[in-house]
Amino acid sequence: MAIPEPSPFEPGLAGQILNIRSNAELVVRMFAAATDFGFGYDEASVKWLDAYIDHIRQNNWTEEELDQMVSNLGSYLGETIIRSFGGQW
């Protein structure tokens, strides 16, 4: 499975928040297409992602690919926490 491309950079705090949310949505779209249960911002999706990360951990990622993946998946996990428990960026 390809690593999602990050969103174009927008300066400032508001732009950073938009980028985080955009990256989170990219992860949801990518994995929704790869799963059969409606991947979204919920516990079942986080559990699936945890197993997926364990599965791909052994791959030989370049530093750039790994940085991009950490950023995108971190954006998704952060947005899931906010949507599930409240809070803000």
N, C-alpha and C. Protein backbone atom coordinates (compact mmCIF):
# COMPACT_ATOMS: atom_id res chain seq x y z
N MET A 1 0.85 -1.17 0.00
CA MET A 1 0.00 0.00 0.00
C MET A 1 0.90 1.23 0.00
N ALA A 2 0.60 2.17 -0.84
CA ALA A 2 1.41 3.38 -0.96
C ALA A 2 1.20 4.29 0.25
N ILE A 3 2.22 5.04 0.56
CA ILE A 3 2.16 6.01 1.64
C ILE A 3 1.44 7.24 1.12
N PRO A 4 0.46 7.76 1.88
CA PRO A 4 -0.26 8.94 1.42
C PRO A 4 0.66 10.15 1.31
N GLU A 5 0.43 10.95 0.30
CA GLU A 5 1.17 12.20 0.14
C GLU A 5 0.63 13.24 1.10
N PRO A 6 1.52 14.02 1.72
CA PRO A 6 1.03 15.07 2.62
C PRO A 6 0.34 16.18 1.83
N SER A 7 -0.47 16.94 2.55
CA SER A 7 -1.13 18.07 1.91
C SER A 7 -0.12 19.18 1.68
N PRO A 8 -0.40 20.09 0.76
CA PRO A 8 0.51 21.23 0.54
C PRO A 8 0.62 22.05 1.82
N PHE A 9 1.78 22.55 2.10
CA PHE A 9 2.02 23.31 3.33
C PHE A 9 1.34 24.66 3.28
N GLU A 10 0.66 25.00 4.37
CA GLU A 10 0.07 26.32 4.53
C GLU A 10 0.67 26.91 5.80
N PRO A 11 1.18 28.14 5.75
CA PRO A 11 1.87 28.72 6.90
C PRO A 11 0.91 29.10 8.03
N GLY A 12 1.47 29.29 9.22
CA GLY A 12 0.71 29.74 10.38
C GLY A 12 0.00 28.60 11.08
N LEU A 13 -0.43 28.87 12.33
CA LEU A 13 -1.09 27.85 13.13
C LEU A 13 -2.36 27.33 12.46
N ALA A 14 -3.19 28.24 11.95
CA ALA A 14 -4.42 27.81 11.28
C ALA A 14 -4.09 26.92 10.08
N GLY A 15 -3.05 27.27 9.35
CA GLY A 15 -2.63 26.45 8.21
C GLY A 15 -2.12 25.10 8.64
N GLN A 16 -1.40 25.07 9.75
CA GLN A 16 -0.89 23.79 10.27
C GLN A 16 -2.05 22.88 10.67
N ILE A 17 -3.07 23.45 11.30
CA ILE A 17 -4.23 22.66 11.69
C ILE A 17 -4.96 22.14 10.46
N LEU A 18 -5.09 22.97 9.44
CA LEU A 18 -5.71 22.52 8.19
C LEU A 18 -4.91 21.38 7.57
N ASN A 19 -3.59 21.49 7.62
CA ASN A 19 -2.73 20.43 7.07
C ASN A 19 -2.89 19.14 7.84
N ILE A 20 -2.96 19.23 9.18
CA ILE A 20 -3.14 18.03 10.00
C ILE A 20 -4.46 17.35 9.64
N ARG A 21 -5.52 18.14 9.58
CA ARG A 21 -6.84 17.57 9.26
C ARG A 21 -6.89 17.00 7.85
N SER A 22 -6.23 17.68 6.93
CA SER A 22 -6.17 17.19 5.56
C SER A 22 -5.42 15.86 5.49
N ASN A 23 -4.33 15.75 6.21
CA ASN A 23 -3.57 14.50 6.24
C ASN A 23 -4.39 13.39 6.89
N ALA A 24 -5.13 13.71 7.95
CA ALA A 24 -5.98 12.72 8.60
C ALA A 24 -7.05 12.22 7.63
N GLU A 25 -7.67 13.14 6.90
CA GLU A 25 -8.69 12.75 5.91
C GLU A 25 -8.09 11.89 4.81
N LEU A 26 -6.86 12.18 4.42
CA LEU A 26 -6.17 11.38 3.42
C LEU A 26 -6.01 9.95 3.90
N VAL A 27 -5.63 9.78 5.15
CA VAL A 27 -5.49 8.44 5.73
C VAL A 27 -6.83 7.72 5.73
N VAL A 28 -7.90 8.41 6.14
CA VAL A 28 -9.22 7.79 6.15
C VAL A 28 -9.62 7.35 4.75
N ARG A 29 -9.45 8.21 3.76
CA ARG A 29 -9.81 7.85 2.38
C ARG A 29 -9.00 6.66 1.89
N MET A 30 -7.71 6.66 2.19
CA MET A 30 -6.83 5.60 1.71
C MET A 30 -7.22 4.25 2.32
N PHE A 31 -7.42 4.22 3.63
CA PHE A 31 -7.73 2.95 4.28
C PHE A 31 -9.19 2.56 4.13
N ALA A 32 -10.08 3.50 3.92
CA ALA A 32 -11.48 3.15 3.64
C ALA A 32 -11.55 2.34 2.35
N ALA A 33 -10.70 2.68 1.40
CA ALA A 33 -10.67 1.95 0.13
C ALA A 33 -10.02 0.58 0.29
N ALA A 34 -9.20 0.40 1.33
CA ALA A 34 -8.46 -0.85 1.51
C ALA A 34 -9.10 -1.79 2.53
N THR A 35 -10.15 -1.34 3.21
CA THR A 35 -10.81 -2.18 4.21
C THR A 35 -12.26 -2.41 3.82
N ASP A 36 -12.88 -3.34 4.50
CA ASP A 36 -14.27 -3.65 4.18
C ASP A 36 -15.23 -3.31 5.31
N PHE A 37 -14.82 -2.42 6.22
CA PHE A 37 -15.68 -2.11 7.35
C PHE A 37 -15.95 -0.63 7.56
N GLY A 38 -15.61 0.21 6.64
CA GLY A 38 -15.88 1.64 6.81
C GLY A 38 -14.88 2.33 7.72
N PHE A 39 -13.63 2.26 7.36
CA PHE A 39 -12.56 2.89 8.14
C PHE A 39 -12.89 4.35 8.40
N GLY A 40 -12.74 4.77 9.64
CA GLY A 40 -13.05 6.15 10.01
C GLY A 40 -12.37 6.54 11.30
N TYR A 41 -12.96 7.46 12.01
CA TYR A 41 -12.40 7.98 13.25
C TYR A 41 -13.03 7.25 14.44
N ASP A 42 -12.72 5.97 14.59
CA ASP A 42 -13.34 5.18 15.64
C ASP A 42 -12.38 4.11 16.15
N GLU A 43 -12.81 3.43 17.20
CA GLU A 43 -11.97 2.42 17.85
C GLU A 43 -11.60 1.28 16.92
N ALA A 44 -12.55 0.79 16.15
CA ALA A 44 -12.27 -0.32 15.23
C ALA A 44 -11.20 0.05 14.22
N SER A 45 -11.23 1.27 13.74
CA SER A 45 -10.23 1.72 12.76
C SER A 45 -8.86 1.87 13.40
N VAL A 46 -8.81 2.36 14.62
CA VAL A 46 -7.53 2.50 15.31
C VAL A 46 -6.93 1.12 15.57
N LYS A 47 -7.75 0.17 15.96
CA LYS A 47 -7.26 -1.20 16.16
C LYS A 47 -6.73 -1.79 14.85
N TRP A 48 -7.46 -1.56 13.76
CA TRP A 48 -7.00 -2.05 12.46
C TRP A 48 -5.67 -1.40 12.10
N LEU A 49 -5.55 -0.10 12.33
CA LEU A 49 -4.32 0.62 12.01
C LEU A 49 -3.16 0.12 12.86
N ASP A 50 -3.41 -0.19 14.11
CA ASP A 50 -2.37 -0.73 14.98
C ASP A 50 -1.81 -2.04 14.41
N ALA A 51 -2.70 -2.93 13.97
CA ALA A 51 -2.28 -4.19 13.36
C ALA A 51 -1.54 -3.94 12.05
N TYR A 52 -2.02 -2.98 11.26
CA TYR A 52 -1.36 -2.64 10.00
C TYR A 52 0.05 -2.14 10.25
N ILE A 53 0.21 -1.28 11.24
CA ILE A 53 1.55 -0.75 11.56
C ILE A 53 2.48 -1.89 11.96
N ASP A 54 1.99 -2.82 12.80
CA ASP A 54 2.81 -3.98 13.16
C ASP A 54 3.20 -4.77 11.92
N HIS A 55 2.28 -4.91 10.99
CA HIS A 55 2.53 -5.66 9.76
C HIS A 55 3.60 -5.01 8.88
N ILE A 56 3.56 -3.69 8.75
CA ILE A 56 4.49 -3.01 7.83
C ILE A 56 5.78 -2.57 8.51
N ARG A 57 5.86 -2.75 9.81
CA ARG A 57 7.03 -2.28 10.57
C ARG A 57 8.34 -2.86 10.04
N GLN A 58 8.30 -4.05 9.49
CA GLN A 58 9.52 -4.72 9.02
C GLN A 58 9.99 -4.25 7.64
N ASN A 59 9.19 -3.43 6.97
CA ASN A 59 9.58 -2.93 5.65
C ASN A 59 10.79 -2.03 5.76
N ASN A 60 11.55 -1.95 4.71
CA ASN A 60 12.72 -1.08 4.67
C ASN A 60 12.31 0.27 4.10
N TRP A 61 11.85 1.16 4.97
CA TRP A 61 11.40 2.49 4.57
C TRP A 61 12.57 3.44 4.48
N THR A 62 12.53 4.34 3.51
CA THR A 62 13.50 5.41 3.50
C THR A 62 13.14 6.38 4.63
N GLU A 63 14.07 7.21 5.01
CA GLU A 63 13.80 8.17 6.08
C GLU A 63 12.64 9.11 5.68
N GLU A 64 12.61 9.51 4.42
CA GLU A 64 11.54 10.38 3.93
C GLU A 64 10.19 9.69 4.00
N GLU A 65 10.13 8.42 3.56
CA GLU A 65 8.87 7.67 3.61
C GLU A 65 8.39 7.49 5.05
N LEU A 66 9.32 7.18 5.93
CA LEU A 66 8.98 6.98 7.33
C LEU A 66 8.48 8.27 7.96
N ASP A 67 9.16 9.38 7.70
CA ASP A 67 8.73 10.68 8.22
C ASP A 67 7.32 11.03 7.73
N GLN A 68 7.07 10.79 6.46
CA GLN A 68 5.76 11.08 5.88
C GLN A 68 4.69 10.21 6.51
N MET A 69 4.98 8.93 6.69
CA MET A 69 4.01 8.02 7.27
C MET A 69 3.71 8.41 8.72
N VAL A 70 4.74 8.70 9.48
CA VAL A 70 4.54 9.10 10.88
C VAL A 70 3.69 10.37 10.95
N SER A 71 3.96 11.32 10.09
CA SER A 71 3.18 12.56 10.08
C SER A 71 1.72 12.30 9.74
N ASN A 72 1.47 11.53 8.71
CA ASN A 72 0.09 11.27 8.28
C ASN A 72 -0.67 10.43 9.30
N LEU A 73 -0.05 9.35 9.77
CA LEU A 73 -0.75 8.50 10.73
C LEU A 73 -0.91 9.20 12.07
N GLY A 74 0.07 10.00 12.46
CA GLY A 74 -0.05 10.79 13.67
C GLY A 74 -1.17 11.81 13.58
N SER A 75 -1.32 12.42 12.41
CA SER A 75 -2.43 13.35 12.19
C SER A 75 -3.76 12.64 12.36
N TYR A 76 -3.86 11.46 11.77
CA TYR A 76 -5.09 10.68 11.88
C TYR A 76 -5.38 10.31 13.33
N LEU A 77 -4.37 9.79 14.04
CA LEU A 77 -4.60 9.38 15.43
C LEU A 77 -4.97 10.57 16.31
N GLY A 78 -4.31 11.70 16.12
CA GLY A 78 -4.64 12.89 16.87
C GLY A 78 -6.06 13.36 16.60
N GLU A 79 -6.45 13.37 15.34
CA GLU A 79 -7.80 13.79 14.98
C GLU A 79 -8.84 12.81 15.53
N THR A 80 -8.51 11.54 15.57
CA THR A 80 -9.42 10.55 16.15
C THR A 80 -9.61 10.79 17.64
N ILE A 81 -8.54 11.10 18.34
CA ILE A 81 -8.64 11.40 19.78
C ILE A 81 -9.54 12.62 20.00
N ILE A 82 -9.31 13.67 19.21
CA ILE A 82 -10.12 14.88 19.35
C ILE A 82 -11.60 14.58 19.09
N ARG A 83 -11.87 13.84 18.03
CA ARG A 83 -13.27 13.55 17.70
C ARG A 83 -13.92 12.62 18.69
N SER A 84 -13.14 11.75 19.31
CA SER A 84 -13.69 10.78 20.25
C SER A 84 -13.85 11.34 21.67
N PHE A 85 -12.89 12.16 22.09
CA PHE A 85 -12.86 12.59 23.48
C PHE A 85 -12.95 14.10 23.66
N GLY A 86 -12.94 14.83 22.56
CA GLY A 86 -12.97 16.29 22.65
C GLY A 86 -11.56 16.85 22.63
N GLY A 87 -11.48 18.13 22.56
CA GLY A 87 -10.18 18.80 22.53
C GLY A 87 -10.02 19.58 21.25
N GLN A 88 -8.85 20.11 21.08
CA GLN A 88 -8.56 20.88 19.87
C GLN A 88 -7.07 20.86 19.61
N TRP A 89 -6.72 21.18 18.40
CA TRP A 89 -5.31 21.28 18.03
C TRP A 89 -4.77 22.61 18.52
